[in-house]
Amino acid sequence: MVKKVIKKNQRKTRMEDLKMEDPWRVFRIMSEFVDGFHELSEVSNAVSIFGSARTKKTHRWYKQAEKTAELLVKKGYSVITGGGPGIMEGGNKGAAQAKGESIGLNIDLPFEQKPNRYVNHLINFHYFFCRKVMFVKYAKAFVIFPGGFGTLDELFESLTLIQTKRMEAFPVILFDSEFWGDLVQWMKNSVLKANNIDAKDLDLFKVVDTPEEVLQVINKFYNS
């Protein structure tokens, strides 16, 4: 009985310690925002590239991300990625090899994601939401390559912010129609059919299959 009481008191103490940390955690959050805003303050013409960290270097998606970033740099854009491996590395590699600004917004994870070697402007984050603000604030477009939950999170958050007019519209581009086709059809056949979105919301993104089309969508958006 005594042991149970001791364990209960220990759990209570740990919970109280965690609660005491919350006000101080605000300062760390503030510092991440301040550092991010400062580091990216001179970035005004960038495109964020998203996609799976699991994509192999030999996969066509990696090579297409690399080519897309290269074309973006040649058109005067900086490239922003999550700074990790896979599609992110492909994007940073293409930007770096084209002699452009290759930005990586790295995130601290339990398995210690390491920034790829092609990043020439690295910023580290502890909080996902601070990092996501930087992706949106400094990007003129999002290019979404095939990926998992993190990629889907970035996709739907950007669409939500545009749909609700919490931010100015900008190109959201899904790369590879074969990969994204079923998701797009589901949005049409289920989400739209249930009146959970408007038909015009499906125009908030474009689907492409080549790096050249990425540039075409961005150019058309800003030159129209």
Protein backbone atom coordinates (compact mmCIF):
# COMPACT_ATOMS: atom_id res chain seq x y z
CA MET A 1 0.00 0.00 0.00
CA VAL A 2 2.84 2.35 0.92
CA LYS A 3 4.57 1.63 -2.41
CA LYS A 4 1.39 2.51 -4.33
CA VAL A 5 1.10 5.82 -2.49
CA ILE A 6 4.78 6.62 -3.20
CA LYS A 7 4.37 5.84 -6.92
CA LYS A 8 1.19 7.93 -7.07
CA ASN A 9 2.99 10.86 -5.43
CA GLN A 10 5.92 10.46 -7.83
CA ARG A 11 3.58 10.60 -10.86
CA LYS A 12 1.88 13.65 -9.39
CA THR A 13 5.25 15.37 -8.90
CA ARG A 14 6.30 14.60 -12.50
CA MET A 15 3.04 16.02 -13.82
CA GLU A 16 3.48 19.16 -11.72
CA ASP A 17 7.05 19.52 -13.07
CA LEU A 18 5.78 19.27 -16.64
CA LYS A 19 3.15 21.92 -15.96
CA MET A 20 5.79 24.20 -14.47
CA GLU A 21 7.82 23.86 -17.69
CA ASP A 22 5.02 25.13 -19.94
CA PRO A 23 5.52 28.87 -19.32
CA TRP A 24 9.25 28.49 -19.99
CA ARG A 25 8.58 26.48 -23.16
CA VAL A 26 7.02 29.64 -24.59
CA PHE A 27 10.46 31.27 -24.65
CA ARG A 28 11.90 28.40 -26.68
CA ILE A 29 9.01 28.69 -29.14
CA MET A 30 9.58 32.44 -29.40
CA SER A 31 13.29 31.91 -30.00
CA GLU A 32 12.57 29.50 -32.86
CA PHE A 33 10.30 32.03 -34.53
CA VAL A 34 12.80 34.87 -34.03
CA ASP A 35 15.70 32.80 -35.35
CA GLY A 36 13.67 31.58 -38.32
CA PHE A 37 12.44 35.05 -39.26
CA HIS A 38 15.96 36.44 -38.92
CA GLU A 39 17.64 33.68 -40.93
CA LEU A 40 15.09 33.86 -43.76
CA SER A 41 14.47 37.61 -43.73
CA GLU A 42 16.27 38.14 -47.03
CA VAL A 43 14.57 35.21 -48.80
CA SER A 44 11.84 36.67 -50.98
CA ASN A 45 11.64 34.37 -53.98
CA ALA A 46 11.62 30.75 -52.85
CA VAL A 47 9.75 27.55 -53.62
CA SER A 48 9.22 24.84 -51.01
CA ILE A 49 9.63 21.23 -52.14
CA PHE A 50 8.07 18.44 -50.05
CA GLY A 51 8.16 14.66 -50.33
CA SER A 52 9.12 11.43 -48.66
CA ALA A 53 12.37 11.06 -46.73
CA ARG A 54 12.29 7.38 -47.72
CA THR A 55 12.67 7.91 -51.46
CA LYS A 56 15.88 6.31 -52.73
CA LYS A 57 18.46 8.22 -54.73
CA THR A 58 17.91 5.89 -57.65
CA HIS A 59 14.15 6.52 -57.81
CA ARG A 60 12.76 8.71 -60.57
CA TRP A 61 11.04 10.94 -57.99
CA TYR A 62 14.42 11.82 -56.47
CA LYS A 63 15.82 12.64 -59.90
CA GLN A 64 12.70 14.64 -60.82
CA ALA A 65 12.95 16.64 -57.57
CA GLU A 66 16.58 17.32 -58.40
CA LYS A 67 15.69 18.51 -61.91
CA THR A 68 12.79 20.61 -60.64
CA ALA A 69 15.04 22.41 -58.15
CA GLU A 70 17.65 23.00 -60.82
CA LEU A 71 15.09 24.61 -63.14
CA LEU A 72 13.73 26.74 -60.29
CA VAL A 73 17.19 28.09 -59.47
CA LYS A 74 17.81 28.93 -63.12
CA LYS A 75 14.60 30.97 -63.03
CA GLY A 76 15.78 32.92 -60.00
CA TYR A 77 14.17 30.98 -57.16
CA SER A 78 15.69 29.70 -53.96
CA VAL A 79 14.69 26.18 -52.89
CA ILE A 80 13.42 25.29 -49.41
CA THR A 81 13.07 21.71 -48.17
CA GLY A 82 12.84 19.94 -44.84
CA GLY A 83 16.59 19.40 -45.06
CA GLY A 84 16.51 15.62 -44.70
CA PRO A 85 17.05 12.67 -47.05
CA GLY A 86 14.92 11.41 -49.94
CA ILE A 87 12.96 13.97 -51.94
CA MET A 88 14.30 16.72 -49.68
CA GLU A 89 17.85 15.79 -50.55
CA GLY A 90 16.99 15.66 -54.24
CA GLY A 91 15.61 19.19 -54.06
CA ASN A 92 18.60 20.54 -52.18
CA LYS A 93 21.00 18.75 -54.51
CA GLY A 94 19.45 20.24 -57.64
CA ALA A 95 19.50 23.73 -56.12
CA ALA A 96 23.10 23.46 -54.92
CA GLN A 97 24.40 22.06 -58.19
CA ALA A 98 22.72 24.93 -60.05
CA LYS A 99 24.63 27.32 -57.74
CA GLY A 100 21.45 28.50 -56.03
CA GLU A 101 20.35 28.97 -52.44
CA SER A 102 19.58 25.53 -51.03
CA ILE A 103 17.71 25.98 -47.74
CA GLY A 104 17.03 23.17 -45.26
CA LEU A 105 14.59 23.52 -42.37
CA ASN A 106 15.67 20.53 -40.33
CA ILE A 107 13.54 19.08 -37.52
CA ASP A 108 14.73 17.36 -34.33
CA LEU A 109 13.26 13.86 -34.30
CA PRO A 110 13.69 10.87 -31.93
CA PHE A 111 15.64 9.04 -34.64
CA GLU A 112 17.81 12.12 -35.24
CA GLN A 113 17.13 13.19 -38.79
CA LYS A 114 20.42 14.49 -40.14
CA PRO A 115 20.48 17.33 -42.68
CA ASN A 116 21.61 16.30 -46.13
CA ARG A 117 24.97 17.52 -47.42
CA TYR A 118 23.51 19.68 -50.19
CA VAL A 119 21.99 22.26 -47.84
CA ASN A 120 23.94 25.52 -47.89
CA HIS A 121 21.61 27.40 -45.53
CA LEU A 122 20.55 25.24 -42.58
CA ILE A 123 18.07 26.15 -39.84
CA ASN A 124 17.20 23.67 -37.09
CA PHE A 125 13.80 23.43 -35.40
CA HIS A 126 12.43 21.55 -32.42
CA TYR A 127 8.75 22.37 -33.01
CA PHE A 128 6.95 21.28 -36.15
CA PHE A 129 4.55 24.23 -36.08
CA CYS A 130 7.37 26.81 -36.01
CA ARG A 131 9.01 25.07 -38.94
CA LYS A 132 5.74 24.94 -40.90
CA VAL A 133 5.27 28.69 -40.53
CA MET A 134 8.65 29.23 -42.22
CA PHE A 135 7.72 26.98 -45.13
CA VAL A 136 4.58 28.99 -45.81
CA LYS A 137 5.80 32.50 -45.03
CA TYR A 138 8.79 32.46 -47.36
CA ALA A 139 7.50 30.35 -50.27
CA LYS A 140 6.03 31.56 -53.55
CA ALA A 141 4.83 28.02 -54.32
CA PHE A 142 4.66 24.50 -52.86
CA VAL A 143 5.73 21.51 -54.94
CA ILE A 144 4.40 18.33 -53.33
CA PHE A 145 6.15 15.15 -54.41
CA PRO A 146 4.90 11.71 -53.31
CA GLY A 147 5.25 11.25 -49.58
CA GLY A 148 3.68 10.06 -46.36
CA PHE A 149 1.85 11.63 -43.42
CA GLY A 150 4.20 14.60 -43.11
CA THR A 151 3.84 15.44 -46.78
CA LEU A 152 0.05 15.11 -46.59
CA ASP A 153 0.05 17.35 -43.53
CA GLU A 154 1.89 20.10 -45.42
CA LEU A 155 -0.39 19.69 -48.43
CA PHE A 156 -3.69 19.96 -46.57
CA GLU A 157 -2.55 22.69 -44.21
CA SER A 158 -1.57 24.87 -47.16
CA LEU A 159 -4.89 24.18 -48.90
CA THR A 160 -6.78 24.97 -45.69
CA LEU A 161 -4.98 28.29 -45.21
CA ILE A 162 -5.73 29.31 -48.80
CA GLN A 163 -9.32 28.05 -48.70
CA THR A 164 -10.08 29.97 -45.51
CA LYS A 165 -8.26 33.05 -46.82
CA ARG A 166 -5.86 33.10 -43.91
CA MET A 167 -3.12 33.63 -46.47
CA GLU A 168 -2.81 34.79 -50.04
CA ALA A 169 -3.26 32.12 -52.68
CA PHE A 170 -0.14 30.66 -54.24
CA PRO A 171 0.55 27.63 -56.47
CA VAL A 172 0.20 24.25 -54.77
CA ILE A 173 1.51 21.67 -57.21
CA LEU A 174 1.16 17.91 -56.86
CA PHE A 175 3.90 16.05 -58.72
CA ASP A 176 3.03 12.70 -60.39
CA SER A 177 -0.59 12.25 -61.44
CA GLU A 178 -0.37 8.46 -61.05
CA PHE A 179 0.52 8.75 -57.37
CA TRP A 180 -1.98 11.49 -56.52
CA GLY A 181 -4.79 10.37 -58.85
CA ASP A 182 -6.71 8.25 -56.35
CA LEU A 183 -6.55 10.98 -53.71
CA VAL A 184 -7.87 13.57 -56.16
CA GLN A 185 -10.68 11.23 -57.22
CA TRP A 186 -11.55 10.59 -53.57
CA MET A 187 -11.81 14.33 -52.96
CA LYS A 188 -14.15 14.63 -55.95
CA ASN A 189 -16.22 11.50 -55.31
CA SER A 190 -16.43 11.67 -51.53
CA VAL A 191 -15.46 15.03 -50.05
CA LEU A 192 -17.06 17.17 -52.75
CA LYS A 193 -20.06 14.87 -53.12
CA ALA A 194 -20.72 15.19 -49.39
CA ASN A 195 -20.63 19.01 -49.78
CA ASN A 196 -17.66 19.23 -47.42
CA ILE A 197 -15.82 21.40 -49.94
CA ASP A 198 -16.88 23.56 -52.89
CA ALA A 199 -16.08 22.64 -56.48
CA LYS A 200 -13.82 25.69 -56.71
CA ASP A 201 -11.68 24.31 -53.87
CA LEU A 202 -10.42 21.65 -56.26
CA ASP A 203 -8.83 24.46 -58.26
CA LEU A 204 -6.54 25.33 -55.34
CA PHE A 205 -3.99 22.80 -56.58
CA LYS A 206 -2.61 21.58 -59.89
CA VAL A 207 -1.29 18.14 -60.83
CA VAL A 208 1.80 17.82 -63.06
CA ASP A 209 4.14 15.09 -64.30
CA THR A 210 7.33 16.90 -65.33
CA PRO A 211 9.70 19.48 -63.82
CA GLU A 212 9.00 21.75 -66.79
CA GLU A 213 5.28 21.75 -65.94
CA VAL A 214 6.10 22.91 -62.42
CA LEU A 215 7.71 26.03 -63.86
CA GLN A 216 4.81 26.54 -66.26
CA VAL A 217 2.25 26.49 -63.44
CA ILE A 218 4.25 28.94 -61.33
CA ASN A 219 4.91 31.29 -64.24
CA LYS A 220 1.28 31.24 -65.33
CA PHE A 221 0.09 32.01 -61.80
CA TYR A 222 2.35 35.04 -61.35
CA ASN A 223 2.14 36.35 -64.90
CA SER A 224 -1.62 36.13 -65.29
